[in-house]
Amino acid sequence: MPVQDSYDAVIVGGGHNGLVAAAYLARAGRSVLVLERLGHTGGAAVSTRPFPGVDARLSRYSYLVSLLPRRIVRDLGLDFAVRKRTVSSYTPSERGGLLVGGGEERTRESFARLTGGEAEFASWRSFYALMRQVAERVFPTLTEPLPTRDALRARIGDEAAWRMLFEEPIGVAIEEYFADDLVRGVVLTDALIGTFADAHDPTLVQNRCFLYHVIGGGTGDWDVPVGGMGALTDALAKAAVSAGAEIVTSHEATRVDTDGKRAEVAFRSGTGEGTVAARHVLVNASPEALATLLGEASSPAHPAEGAQLKVNMLLRGLPRLRDRSVEAKEAFAGTFHVAEGYGQLAAAYGEAASGRLPSAPPSEIYCHSLTDPSILGPELAAQGYQTLTLFGLHTPARLFTGDNEATRAELLAATLAQLDTYLEEPLADCLALDANGAPCIEAKTPVDLERELRLPGGNIFHRPLSFPYADEPEAAGRWGVETAHANVLLCGAGAVRGGGVSGIPGHNAAMAVLGR
């Protein structure tokens, strides 16, 4: 139970954004209480041992880091590090694999083998040089007050980049820059991770997803968290508590009442119910959850719907590849793309939009333990065990609402079968066994994520991502976390500039409270 009756700030939800906010506010001398519904902090950014009797600590839901600003790590003195991946991606095909990484010349040769010339690699370099320029100019704004649309446009300072990212469907730019179907697909995947959309969706929801996937850290790099994602949230919880914040787990907030100046938060726990007063309430949950807490109706213009399959695996060793031009350790160290050609992605989207599971499910895979073996127990590491994380695309929640368990099993089987077409041996033969003799593999659908983490519709972003500028003139100069109530702020992924493991909404909500 909370040790006080009143706090400067009560934070609802102990996910990574709530912990960031708690640490900043406590370091500023504010009294802070974090109420967490689950028996542990971390939310979707946790590490667990999912397989009985097996000493492998996997990032169960979120798994890579790109959007976390280094300034948050420095400001809060976090004992947390990431490692670069030596390979960015590998994409197998009947024409041979496309390897991006291992040095510029290696990448150039891989493009030339696949496409028969230099043009596609030149286009790749040109396109991503432009994305790097955008990243360097946009990423620093994410921890500043919201700019206007015109101000962000001026800051980017390149009309071609602005048009392709903010005005036209990203499919237009991809088709202008690239001719090869496989290369086009590799580029498009960044617009579809966790987002159910076509390359030419007129709402530009895919553009917003693409933008957040290429601007992280000002480089667009996706790095491996040392010790797994739980290492980050453990460090954040430690920083918050060390600064004086109070964290209580197994305490679920049930209601927020406010007059705009003072608020009261009701909660329940295993020992009963209670209330606590606060000057500010920061809600690290979805906008729908916030509306429920406030007793307000929630009618989002675009209902949240997740569209991903998350699979965690432990292998006795990596499978051999049919493509002999690359070693398995290289291919799986980066993002291993499966059935993600441009045409394949369009076909999978069309099938899912019509209510059918994709016949060739697109997915991407990587091996955390190749870059960071610390997540494995010493015995497993010595025996050559490896983890695999698979993220499936174009699997919207609507496909699982009938029989989630049966549909999950069907999709998992089809996804692994698609991967097997590029392997010398079935992946199932490589899976480790847990203490009960069961294969070490688990899968999570959007329905599972909604049930376990209360993500609306299983949407990992809580709602469609927003462009990182003020939509309305009055929002310019604010932090993108404000609500209709002056002392109630949204500090979760559904805030403007939310989504992903970034800590940005938590930082921005704390800055709004502190008046910076």
Protein backbone atom coordinates (compact mmCIF):
# COMPACT_ATOMS: atom_id res chain seq x y z
CA MET A 1 0.00 0.00 0.00
CA PRO A 2 1.18 3.59 -0.59
CA VAL A 3 2.99 5.08 2.40
CA GLN A 4 1.39 8.53 1.97
CA ASP A 5 -2.13 9.83 1.39
CA SER A 6 -1.03 12.48 -1.08
CA TYR A 7 1.74 12.88 -3.68
CA ASP A 8 2.88 15.52 -6.11
CA ALA A 9 2.46 12.98 -8.90
CA VAL A 10 0.74 9.61 -9.17
CA ILE A 11 1.76 7.58 -12.19
CA VAL A 12 -0.64 4.90 -13.38
CA GLY A 13 1.36 2.08 -14.93
CA GLY A 14 4.95 0.97 -14.32
CA GLY A 15 5.95 0.36 -17.92
CA HIS A 16 9.12 1.97 -19.21
CA ASN A 17 7.49 5.35 -19.92
CA GLY A 18 5.95 5.53 -16.45
CA LEU A 19 9.31 4.70 -14.90
CA VAL A 20 11.06 7.38 -16.97
CA ALA A 21 8.54 9.97 -15.79
CA ALA A 22 8.87 8.79 -12.19
CA ALA A 23 12.66 9.04 -12.26
CA TYR A 24 12.67 12.55 -13.76
CA LEU A 25 10.05 13.87 -11.34
CA ALA A 26 11.64 12.29 -8.27
CA ARG A 27 15.05 13.67 -9.26
CA ALA A 28 13.39 17.10 -9.43
CA GLY A 29 12.31 16.73 -5.81
CA ARG A 30 8.67 15.79 -6.40
CA SER A 31 6.96 13.10 -4.33
CA VAL A 32 6.01 10.31 -6.75
CA LEU A 33 3.91 7.17 -6.52
CA VAL A 34 3.78 4.55 -9.29
CA LEU A 35 0.77 2.20 -9.26
CA GLU A 36 1.41 -0.98 -11.29
CA ARG A 37 -1.37 -3.51 -11.95
CA LEU A 38 0.95 -6.48 -12.51
CA GLY A 39 3.23 -8.08 -9.97
CA HIS A 40 6.28 -6.51 -11.62
CA THR A 41 7.29 -3.36 -13.44
CA GLY A 42 8.32 -3.13 -17.08
CA GLY A 43 5.07 -3.55 -19.02
CA ALA A 44 5.90 -4.81 -22.52
CA ALA A 45 9.64 -4.18 -22.03
CA VAL A 46 10.47 -7.15 -19.81
CA SER A 47 12.76 -10.14 -19.83
CA THR A 48 11.45 -13.50 -18.64
CA ARG A 49 12.38 -17.17 -18.60
CA PRO A 50 9.37 -18.45 -20.56
CA PHE A 51 10.45 -22.07 -20.84
CA PRO A 52 10.29 -24.24 -17.67
CA GLY A 53 13.67 -25.30 -16.35
CA VAL A 54 15.61 -23.45 -19.06
CA ASP A 55 18.06 -20.69 -18.12
CA ALA A 56 17.35 -18.35 -21.04
CA ARG A 57 16.08 -14.83 -20.26
CA LEU A 58 14.24 -13.59 -23.34
CA SER A 59 12.79 -10.18 -24.18
CA ARG A 60 9.25 -11.47 -24.20
CA TYR A 61 7.42 -8.72 -26.09
CA SER A 62 9.53 -5.75 -27.29
CA TYR A 63 13.05 -6.73 -28.26
CA LEU A 64 15.23 -4.07 -29.96
CA VAL A 65 16.13 -0.46 -29.11
CA SER A 66 16.27 2.46 -31.53
CA LEU A 67 14.12 5.34 -30.28
CA LEU A 68 15.49 5.63 -26.72
CA PRO A 69 17.38 8.95 -26.62
CA ARG A 70 20.86 8.76 -25.14
CA ARG A 71 20.03 11.90 -23.18
CA ILE A 72 17.50 9.92 -21.10
CA VAL A 73 20.15 7.31 -20.33
CA ARG A 74 22.59 10.07 -19.34
CA ASP A 75 20.08 12.24 -17.44
CA LEU A 76 18.94 9.33 -15.29
CA GLY A 77 22.36 7.72 -14.90
CA LEU A 78 21.10 4.39 -16.18
CA ASP A 79 23.29 1.30 -16.01
CA PHE A 80 22.19 0.21 -19.46
CA ALA A 81 23.95 -0.39 -22.75
CA VAL A 82 23.17 -1.49 -26.28
CA ARG A 83 25.32 -3.22 -28.89
CA LYS A 84 25.43 -2.65 -32.62
CA ARG A 85 24.60 -5.49 -34.97
CA THR A 86 27.33 -6.26 -37.51
CA VAL A 87 24.71 -7.14 -40.13
CA SER A 88 21.66 -4.99 -40.77
CA SER A 89 19.62 -7.56 -42.69
CA TYR A 90 19.62 -10.68 -44.81
CA THR A 91 16.84 -11.58 -47.22
CA PRO A 92 16.85 -14.98 -48.94
CA SER A 93 15.29 -15.54 -52.35
CA GLU A 94 15.37 -17.96 -55.26
CA ARG A 95 17.89 -15.62 -56.95
CA GLY A 96 20.23 -15.70 -53.95
CA GLY A 97 20.26 -13.76 -50.71
CA LEU A 98 20.61 -10.03 -50.17
CA LEU A 99 23.02 -9.22 -47.35
CA VAL A 100 23.11 -5.65 -46.02
CA GLY A 101 26.07 -5.27 -43.70
CA GLY A 102 29.55 -6.65 -43.22
CA GLY A 103 31.04 -3.55 -44.83
CA GLU A 104 30.09 -1.43 -47.84
CA GLU A 105 31.90 -3.57 -50.40
CA ARG A 106 30.26 -6.75 -49.15
CA THR A 107 26.85 -5.08 -49.41
CA ARG A 108 27.64 -3.75 -52.89
CA GLU A 109 28.61 -7.23 -54.08
CA SER A 110 25.42 -8.71 -52.63
CA PHE A 111 23.28 -6.14 -54.46
CA ALA A 112 25.17 -6.78 -57.70
CA ARG A 113 24.65 -10.56 -57.46
CA LEU A 114 20.93 -10.10 -56.82
CA THR A 115 20.14 -7.36 -59.33
CA GLY A 116 22.88 -7.82 -61.95
CA GLY A 117 24.24 -4.29 -61.72
CA GLU A 118 25.19 -1.26 -59.63
CA ALA A 119 22.05 0.88 -60.02
CA GLU A 120 20.01 -0.61 -57.19
CA PHE A 121 22.84 -0.27 -54.67
CA ALA A 122 23.38 3.34 -55.73
CA SER A 123 19.68 4.01 -55.19
CA TRP A 124 19.87 2.29 -51.78
CA ARG A 125 22.75 4.54 -50.71
CA SER A 126 21.00 7.66 -51.98
CA PHE A 127 17.67 6.81 -50.34
CA TYR A 128 19.14 6.02 -46.92
CA ALA A 129 21.47 9.01 -47.01
CA LEU A 130 18.33 11.12 -47.31
CA MET A 131 16.68 9.18 -44.46
CA ARG A 132 19.78 9.75 -42.32
CA GLN A 133 19.54 13.48 -43.00
CA VAL A 134 15.89 13.47 -41.91
CA ALA A 135 16.74 11.43 -38.83
CA GLU A 136 19.48 13.82 -37.72
CA ARG A 137 17.08 16.76 -37.95
CA VAL A 138 13.86 15.20 -36.62
CA PHE A 139 15.01 12.94 -33.78
CA PRO A 140 16.25 15.74 -31.48
CA THR A 141 12.81 17.40 -31.69
CA LEU A 142 11.12 14.41 -30.04
CA THR A 143 12.25 15.54 -26.59
CA GLU A 144 11.43 19.20 -27.23
CA PRO A 145 8.06 20.97 -27.19
CA LEU A 146 5.99 20.17 -30.28
CA PRO A 147 6.93 22.14 -33.39
CA THR A 148 4.34 23.28 -35.90
CA ARG A 149 4.09 21.41 -39.17
CA ASP A 150 5.74 24.30 -40.99
CA ALA A 151 8.53 24.52 -38.43
CA LEU A 152 9.34 20.82 -38.78
CA ARG A 153 9.22 21.12 -42.57
CA ALA A 154 11.68 24.00 -42.43
CA ARG A 155 13.92 22.08 -40.04
CA ILE A 156 14.09 19.12 -42.43
CA GLY A 157 14.91 21.57 -45.20
CA ASP A 158 14.43 19.15 -48.09
CA GLU A 159 11.20 19.28 -50.06
CA ALA A 160 11.73 15.90 -51.73
CA ALA A 161 12.16 14.21 -48.34
CA TRP A 162 9.15 16.06 -46.93
CA ARG A 163 6.96 15.02 -49.83
CA MET A 164 7.91 11.33 -49.74
CA LEU A 165 7.51 11.01 -45.95
CA PHE A 166 4.77 13.46 -45.02
CA GLU A 167 2.59 14.00 -48.09
CA GLU A 168 2.63 10.97 -50.43
CA PRO A 169 2.21 7.28 -49.58
CA ILE A 170 5.66 5.81 -48.98
CA GLY A 171 5.00 3.33 -51.77
CA VAL A 172 5.43 6.15 -54.29
CA ALA A 173 8.99 6.87 -53.15
CA ILE A 174 9.90 3.19 -52.91
CA GLU A 175 8.77 2.58 -56.46
CA GLU A 176 10.58 5.70 -57.70
CA TYR A 177 13.87 4.77 -56.07
CA PHE A 178 13.97 1.00 -56.51
CA ALA A 179 13.24 -1.39 -59.37
CA ASP A 180 13.85 -4.76 -57.74
CA ASP A 181 10.86 -6.37 -56.02
CA LEU A 182 12.94 -7.86 -53.20
CA VAL A 183 14.73 -4.61 -52.47
CA ARG A 184 11.44 -2.71 -52.49
CA GLY A 185 10.02 -5.16 -49.98
CA VAL A 186 12.98 -4.86 -47.61
CA VAL A 187 12.51 -1.07 -47.57
CA LEU A 188 8.74 -1.31 -47.11
CA THR A 189 8.92 -3.55 -44.03
CA ASP A 190 9.83 -0.58 -41.83
CA ALA A 191 6.45 0.93 -42.71
CA LEU A 192 4.52 -2.19 -41.69
CA ILE A 193 5.95 -3.41 -38.39
CA GLY A 194 2.98 -3.42 -36.03
CA THR A 195 0.92 -1.52 -38.62
CA PHE A 196 -1.70 -3.05 -40.90
CA ALA A 197 -1.56 -1.05 -44.11
CA ASP A 198 -0.81 -1.14 -47.82
CA ALA A 199 2.18 0.71 -49.27
CA HIS A 200 -0.24 3.18 -50.88
CA ASP A 201 -2.68 3.66 -47.99
CA PRO A 202 -4.00 7.23 -48.41
CA THR A 203 -4.17 7.79 -44.64
CA LEU A 204 -0.33 7.62 -44.52
CA VAL A 205 -0.41 5.45 -41.40
CA GLN A 206 2.39 3.44 -43.04
CA ASN A 207 4.44 6.63 -43.51
CA ARG A 208 4.23 7.44 -39.83
CA CYS A 209 5.36 3.92 -38.95
CA PHE A 210 8.22 4.17 -41.47
CA LEU A 211 9.34 7.52 -40.07
CA TYR A 212 9.64 6.21 -36.52
CA HIS A 213 11.59 3.20 -37.75
CA VAL A 214 14.23 5.23 -39.60
CA ILE A 215 14.88 8.21 -37.29
CA GLY A 216 15.88 6.48 -34.04
CA GLY A 217 18.96 7.95 -32.41
CA GLY A 218 19.43 10.21 -35.42
CA THR A 219 20.78 7.20 -37.32
CA GLY A 220 17.90 4.77 -37.70
CA ASP A 221 19.99 1.96 -36.20
CA TRP A 222 18.21 -0.80 -34.26
CA ASP A 223 20.45 -2.06 -31.47
CA VAL A 224 20.48 -5.03 -29.11
CA PRO A 225 19.83 -4.26 -25.41
CA VAL A 226 22.56 -5.90 -23.33
CA GLY A 227 20.89 -8.25 -20.87
CA GLY A 228 17.59 -8.09 -22.75
CA MET A 229 14.84 -5.50 -22.65
CA GLY A 230 14.26 -6.15 -18.97
CA ALA A 231 17.71 -4.71 -18.27
CA LEU A 232 16.38 -1.32 -19.36
CA THR A 233 13.25 -1.35 -17.22
CA ASP A 234 15.12 -2.78 -14.24
CA ALA A 235 17.59 0.12 -14.55
CA LEU A 236 14.72 2.62 -14.83
CA ALA A 237 12.97 1.22 -11.75
CA LYS A 238 16.24 1.40 -9.82
CA ALA A 239 16.78 5.01 -10.93
CA ALA A 240 13.26 6.00 -9.91
CA VAL A 241 13.46 4.37 -6.48
CA SER A 242 16.98 5.74 -5.87
CA ALA A 243 15.64 9.23 -6.56
CA GLY A 244 12.87 8.75 -4.00
CA ALA A 245 9.91 7.49 -6.04
CA GLU A 246 7.65 4.87 -4.49
CA ILE A 247 6.60 1.92 -6.66
CA VAL A 248 3.84 -0.46 -5.62
CA THR A 249 3.06 -3.49 -7.75
CA SER A 250 -0.17 -5.51 -7.82
CA HIS A 251 -2.03 -2.22 -7.40
CA GLU A 252 -4.53 -1.48 -10.15
CA ALA A 253 -5.83 2.05 -10.63
CA THR A 254 -9.61 1.95 -11.08
CA ARG A 255 -10.70 5.59 -11.25
CA VAL A 256 -9.32 9.10 -11.60
CA ASP A 257 -11.34 12.10 -10.40
CA THR A 258 -10.02 15.61 -11.03
CA ASP A 259 -11.08 19.24 -10.90
CA GLY A 260 -8.05 20.28 -12.95
CA LYS A 261 -6.00 21.26 -9.90
CA ARG A 262 -6.21 18.29 -7.54
CA ALA A 263 -6.93 14.69 -8.37
CA GLU A 264 -7.85 11.52 -6.56
CA VAL A 265 -6.84 8.08 -7.81
CA ALA A 266 -8.74 5.02 -6.63
CA PHE A 267 -7.03 1.64 -6.71
CA ARG A 268 -7.42 -1.95 -5.65
CA SER A 269 -4.87 -4.50 -4.53
CA GLY A 270 -4.73 -7.91 -2.95
CA THR A 271 -5.27 -6.34 0.46
CA GLY A 272 -8.24 -4.16 -0.43
CA GLU A 273 -9.17 -0.84 -2.00
CA GLY A 274 -7.99 2.69 -1.38
CA THR A 275 -7.51 6.19 -2.74
CA VAL A 276 -4.58 8.55 -2.99
CA ALA A 277 -4.53 12.27 -3.78
CA ALA A 278 -2.23 13.94 -6.28
CA ARG A 279 -1.46 17.30 -7.85
CA HIS A 280 -0.79 15.56 -11.16
CA VAL A 281 -1.75 12.17 -12.57
CA LEU A 282 0.30 10.67 -15.39
CA VAL A 283 -1.32 7.71 -17.15
CA ASN A 284 1.05 5.23 -18.75
CA ALA A 285 -1.73 3.35 -20.52
CA SER A 286 -3.75 3.64 -23.71
CA PRO A 287 -6.03 6.60 -24.46
CA GLU A 288 -8.97 4.19 -24.13
CA ALA A 289 -7.79 3.14 -20.67
CA LEU A 290 -7.41 6.80 -19.70
CA ALA A 291 -10.99 7.53 -20.80
CA THR A 292 -12.24 4.59 -18.73
CA LEU A 293 -10.37 5.81 -15.64
CA LEU A 294 -11.91 9.26 -16.07
CA GLY A 295 -15.40 7.82 -16.62
CA GLU A 296 -15.52 9.36 -20.09
CA ALA A 297 -16.73 7.87 -23.36
CA SER A 298 -14.03 6.83 -25.80
CA SER A 299 -14.86 6.82 -29.51
CA PRO A 300 -11.55 6.86 -31.38
CA ALA A 301 -11.74 7.83 -35.04
CA HIS A 302 -9.51 4.88 -35.87
CA PRO A 303 -10.01 1.98 -33.42
CA ALA A 304 -6.73 0.41 -32.37
CA GLU A 305 -5.86 -2.91 -33.99
CA GLY A 306 -2.58 -4.73 -33.69
CA ALA A 307 -1.29 -6.70 -36.65
CA GLN A 308 1.68 -8.76 -35.53
CA LEU A 309 2.71 -12.23 -34.40
CA LYS A 310 5.52 -12.35 -31.83
CA VAL A 311 7.38 -15.67 -31.49
CA ASN A 312 10.15 -16.48 -29.01
CA MET A 313 12.34 -19.54 -29.53
CA LEU A 314 15.38 -21.24 -28.06
CA LEU A 315 17.44 -23.46 -30.39
CA ARG A 316 20.12 -26.04 -29.74
CA GLY A 317 21.96 -24.37 -32.62
CA LEU A 318 21.18 -22.25 -35.66
CA PRO A 319 19.79 -24.08 -38.71
CA ARG A 320 21.88 -24.44 -41.87
CA LEU A 321 20.91 -22.24 -44.82
CA ARG A 322 20.37 -23.30 -48.41
CA ASP A 323 22.17 -20.15 -49.52
CA ARG A 324 25.84 -21.10 -49.15
CA SER A 325 27.06 -17.54 -49.78
CA VAL A 326 26.36 -16.55 -46.18
CA GLU A 327 26.86 -18.21 -42.81
CA ALA A 328 23.84 -18.71 -40.55
CA LYS A 329 25.55 -16.65 -37.85
CA GLU A 330 25.70 -13.69 -40.22
CA ALA A 331 22.20 -14.11 -41.63
CA PHE A 332 20.49 -14.33 -38.24
CA ALA A 333 22.63 -11.64 -36.55
CA GLY A 334 20.72 -8.99 -38.48
CA THR A 335 17.07 -8.97 -39.50
CA PHE A 336 16.31 -12.13 -41.49
CA HIS A 337 13.41 -11.28 -43.84
CA VAL A 338 11.01 -14.06 -44.87
CA ALA A 339 8.37 -13.65 -47.62
CA GLU A 340 8.86 -9.89 -47.57
CA GLY A 341 9.23 -9.10 -51.24
CA TYR A 342 7.14 -6.12 -52.35
CA GLY A 343 4.63 -8.30 -54.19
CA GLN A 344 4.51 -10.81 -51.34
CA LEU A 345 3.72 -8.06 -48.83
CA ALA A 346 0.94 -6.70 -51.03
CA ALA A 347 -0.53 -10.20 -51.46
CA ALA A 348 -0.38 -10.89 -47.71
CA TYR A 349 -2.09 -7.58 -46.98
CA GLY A 350 -4.85 -8.34 -49.50
CA GLU A 351 -5.51 -11.77 -48.03
CA ALA A 352 -5.61 -10.48 -44.45
CA ALA A 353 -7.83 -7.54 -45.41
CA SER A 354 -10.32 -10.02 -46.89
CA GLY A 355 -10.37 -12.00 -43.63
CA ARG A 356 -7.87 -14.79 -44.42
CA LEU A 357 -4.52 -15.63 -42.91
CA PRO A 358 -1.73 -14.86 -45.41
CA SER A 359 -0.87 -17.97 -47.40
CA ALA A 360 2.81 -16.95 -47.31
CA PRO A 361 3.07 -15.16 -43.94
CA PRO A 362 5.73 -12.42 -43.99
CA SER A 363 8.03 -12.25 -41.00
CA GLU A 364 11.41 -11.07 -39.79
CA ILE A 365 13.74 -12.82 -37.40
CA TYR A 366 16.90 -12.09 -35.47
CA CYS A 367 19.13 -13.82 -32.97
CA HIS A 368 19.72 -11.75 -29.80
CA SER A 369 22.23 -14.19 -28.32
CA LEU A 370 24.67 -13.81 -31.25
CA THR A 371 25.22 -10.17 -30.28
CA ASP A 372 24.59 -10.51 -26.54
CA PRO A 373 25.07 -14.04 -25.13
CA SER A 374 24.57 -12.77 -21.57
CA ILE A 375 20.86 -13.67 -21.76
CA LEU A 376 21.81 -17.36 -21.81
CA GLY A 377 22.98 -19.33 -18.80
CA PRO A 378 26.68 -20.33 -19.00
CA GLU A 379 25.83 -23.97 -19.71
CA LEU A 380 23.53 -23.13 -22.62
CA ALA A 381 26.02 -20.67 -24.06
CA ALA A 382 28.84 -23.22 -23.86
CA GLN A 383 26.71 -25.77 -25.73
CA GLY A 384 26.00 -23.34 -28.58
CA TYR A 385 22.33 -22.65 -27.84
CA GLN A 386 20.83 -19.58 -29.51
CA THR A 387 17.63 -17.57 -29.24
CA LEU A 388 15.43 -16.54 -32.15
CA THR A 389 12.87 -13.76 -32.12
CA LEU A 390 10.30 -13.72 -34.93
CA PHE A 391 7.95 -10.84 -35.69
CA GLY A 392 5.17 -11.58 -38.16
CA LEU A 393 3.45 -8.91 -40.25
CA HIS A 394 -0.05 -8.48 -41.71
CA THR A 395 -1.84 -10.53 -39.05
CA PRO A 396 -4.54 -8.12 -37.77
CA ALA A 397 -6.42 -8.83 -34.56
CA ARG A 398 -9.68 -9.40 -36.47
CA LEU A 399 -8.30 -12.73 -37.75
CA PHE A 400 -8.02 -14.13 -34.21
CA THR A 401 -11.31 -13.09 -32.62
CA GLY A 402 -13.05 -16.40 -33.37
CA ASP A 403 -10.70 -19.07 -32.02
CA ASN A 404 -7.45 -17.40 -31.03
CA GLU A 405 -5.70 -20.62 -29.98
CA ALA A 406 -6.47 -22.54 -33.17
CA THR A 407 -5.70 -19.58 -35.44
CA ARG A 408 -2.45 -18.93 -33.59
CA ALA A 409 -1.37 -22.54 -34.14
CA GLU A 410 -2.31 -22.41 -37.82
CA LEU A 411 -0.44 -19.16 -38.40
CA LEU A 412 2.64 -20.32 -36.47
CA ALA A 413 2.84 -23.51 -38.52
CA ALA A 414 2.51 -21.59 -41.80
CA THR A 415 5.09 -19.01 -40.72
CA LEU A 416 7.67 -21.64 -39.78
CA ALA A 417 6.97 -23.56 -42.98
CA GLN A 418 7.70 -20.40 -44.95
CA LEU A 419 11.02 -20.03 -43.12
CA ASP A 420 11.83 -23.69 -43.74
CA THR A 421 11.87 -23.11 -47.52
CA TYR A 422 15.20 -21.31 -47.03
CA LEU A 423 16.73 -23.81 -44.59
CA GLU A 424 18.63 -27.06 -45.10
CA GLU A 425 16.87 -28.55 -42.07
CA PRO A 426 13.45 -27.89 -40.55
CA LEU A 427 13.53 -25.34 -37.78
CA ALA A 428 11.53 -27.73 -35.57
CA ASP A 429 14.52 -30.08 -35.53
CA CYS A 430 16.67 -27.32 -34.02
CA LEU A 431 14.34 -26.32 -31.16
CA ALA A 432 15.57 -26.94 -27.64
CA LEU A 433 13.32 -28.80 -25.19
CA ASP A 434 12.19 -27.52 -21.81
CA ALA A 435 12.20 -29.45 -18.53
CA ASN A 436 8.92 -31.11 -19.54
CA GLY A 437 10.21 -32.22 -22.92
CA ALA A 438 8.20 -29.60 -24.82
CA PRO A 439 9.76 -27.53 -27.64
CA CYS A 440 11.00 -24.11 -26.52
CA ILE A 441 8.71 -21.93 -28.60
CA GLU A 442 5.90 -19.53 -27.71
CA ALA A 443 3.75 -17.28 -29.89
CA LYS A 444 1.71 -14.17 -29.07
CA THR A 445 -1.09 -12.80 -31.26
CA PRO A 446 -2.73 -9.36 -30.93
CA VAL A 447 -5.48 -11.02 -28.87
CA ASP A 448 -2.83 -12.41 -26.49
CA LEU A 449 -1.24 -8.97 -26.14
CA GLU A 450 -4.56 -7.35 -25.37
CA ARG A 451 -5.30 -9.93 -22.69
CA GLU A 452 -1.84 -9.94 -21.09
CA LEU A 453 -0.81 -6.29 -21.43
CA ARG A 454 -4.14 -4.54 -22.09
CA LEU A 455 -2.91 -3.17 -25.39
CA PRO A 456 -6.11 -2.10 -27.18
CA GLY A 457 -6.68 -4.53 -30.02
CA GLY A 458 -3.19 -5.82 -29.35
CA ASN A 459 -1.81 -2.62 -30.89
CA ILE A 460 1.80 -2.14 -29.77
CA PHE A 461 1.47 1.62 -30.41
CA HIS A 462 -1.88 1.89 -28.49
CA ARG A 463 -3.35 3.72 -31.50
CA PRO A 464 -2.20 4.80 -34.98
CA LEU A 465 1.09 6.68 -34.75
CA SER A 466 1.07 10.45 -35.21
CA PHE A 467 3.45 12.66 -37.13
CA PRO A 468 5.83 14.44 -34.70
CA TYR A 469 4.34 17.89 -34.99
CA ALA A 470 1.34 19.79 -33.61
CA ASP A 471 -1.84 18.98 -35.54
CA GLU A 472 -3.61 22.02 -34.11
CA PRO A 473 -2.12 25.53 -33.67
CA GLU A 474 -2.88 25.56 -29.94
CA ALA A 475 -0.86 22.35 -29.46
CA ALA A 476 2.37 23.94 -30.71
CA GLY A 477 4.81 24.47 -27.87
CA ARG A 478 3.14 21.83 -25.74
CA TRP A 479 4.50 18.35 -25.15
CA GLY A 480 1.96 16.12 -26.90
CA VAL A 481 0.90 14.52 -23.61
CA GLU A 482 -1.84 16.93 -22.54
CA THR A 483 -5.48 15.95 -22.07
CA ALA A 484 -8.70 17.90 -21.52
CA HIS A 485 -7.78 18.04 -17.82
CA ALA A 486 -4.92 20.36 -16.88
CA ASN A 487 -3.41 18.05 -14.29
CA VAL A 488 -3.94 14.70 -16.06
CA LEU A 489 -1.34 13.72 -18.66
CA LEU A 490 -0.96 10.77 -21.02
CA CYS A 491 2.56 9.37 -20.78
CA GLY A 492 2.19 6.10 -22.70
CA ALA A 493 2.73 5.03 -26.30
CA GLY A 494 -0.53 6.70 -27.37
CA ALA A 495 0.88 10.18 -26.74
CA VAL A 496 2.02 12.29 -29.67
CA ARG A 497 5.54 11.01 -30.43
CA GLY A 498 4.77 7.78 -28.60
CA GLY A 499 5.15 4.22 -29.79
CA GLY A 500 8.14 1.93 -29.43
CA VAL A 501 10.48 1.57 -26.49
CA SER A 502 11.62 5.17 -26.31
CA GLY A 503 10.86 6.71 -22.93
CA ILE A 504 9.98 9.86 -24.89
CA PRO A 505 6.35 10.17 -23.67
CA GLY A 506 7.57 9.63 -20.10
CA HIS A 507 10.23 12.31 -20.48
CA ASN A 508 7.79 14.73 -22.13
CA ALA A 509 5.10 14.23 -19.50
CA ALA A 510 7.64 14.92 -16.76
CA MET A 511 8.76 18.08 -18.57
CA ALA A 512 5.12 19.20 -18.84
CA VAL A 513 4.69 18.77 -15.08
CA LEU A 514 7.92 20.60 -14.35
CA GLY A 515 6.99 23.44 -16.68
CA ARG A 516 10.11 23.15 -18.84
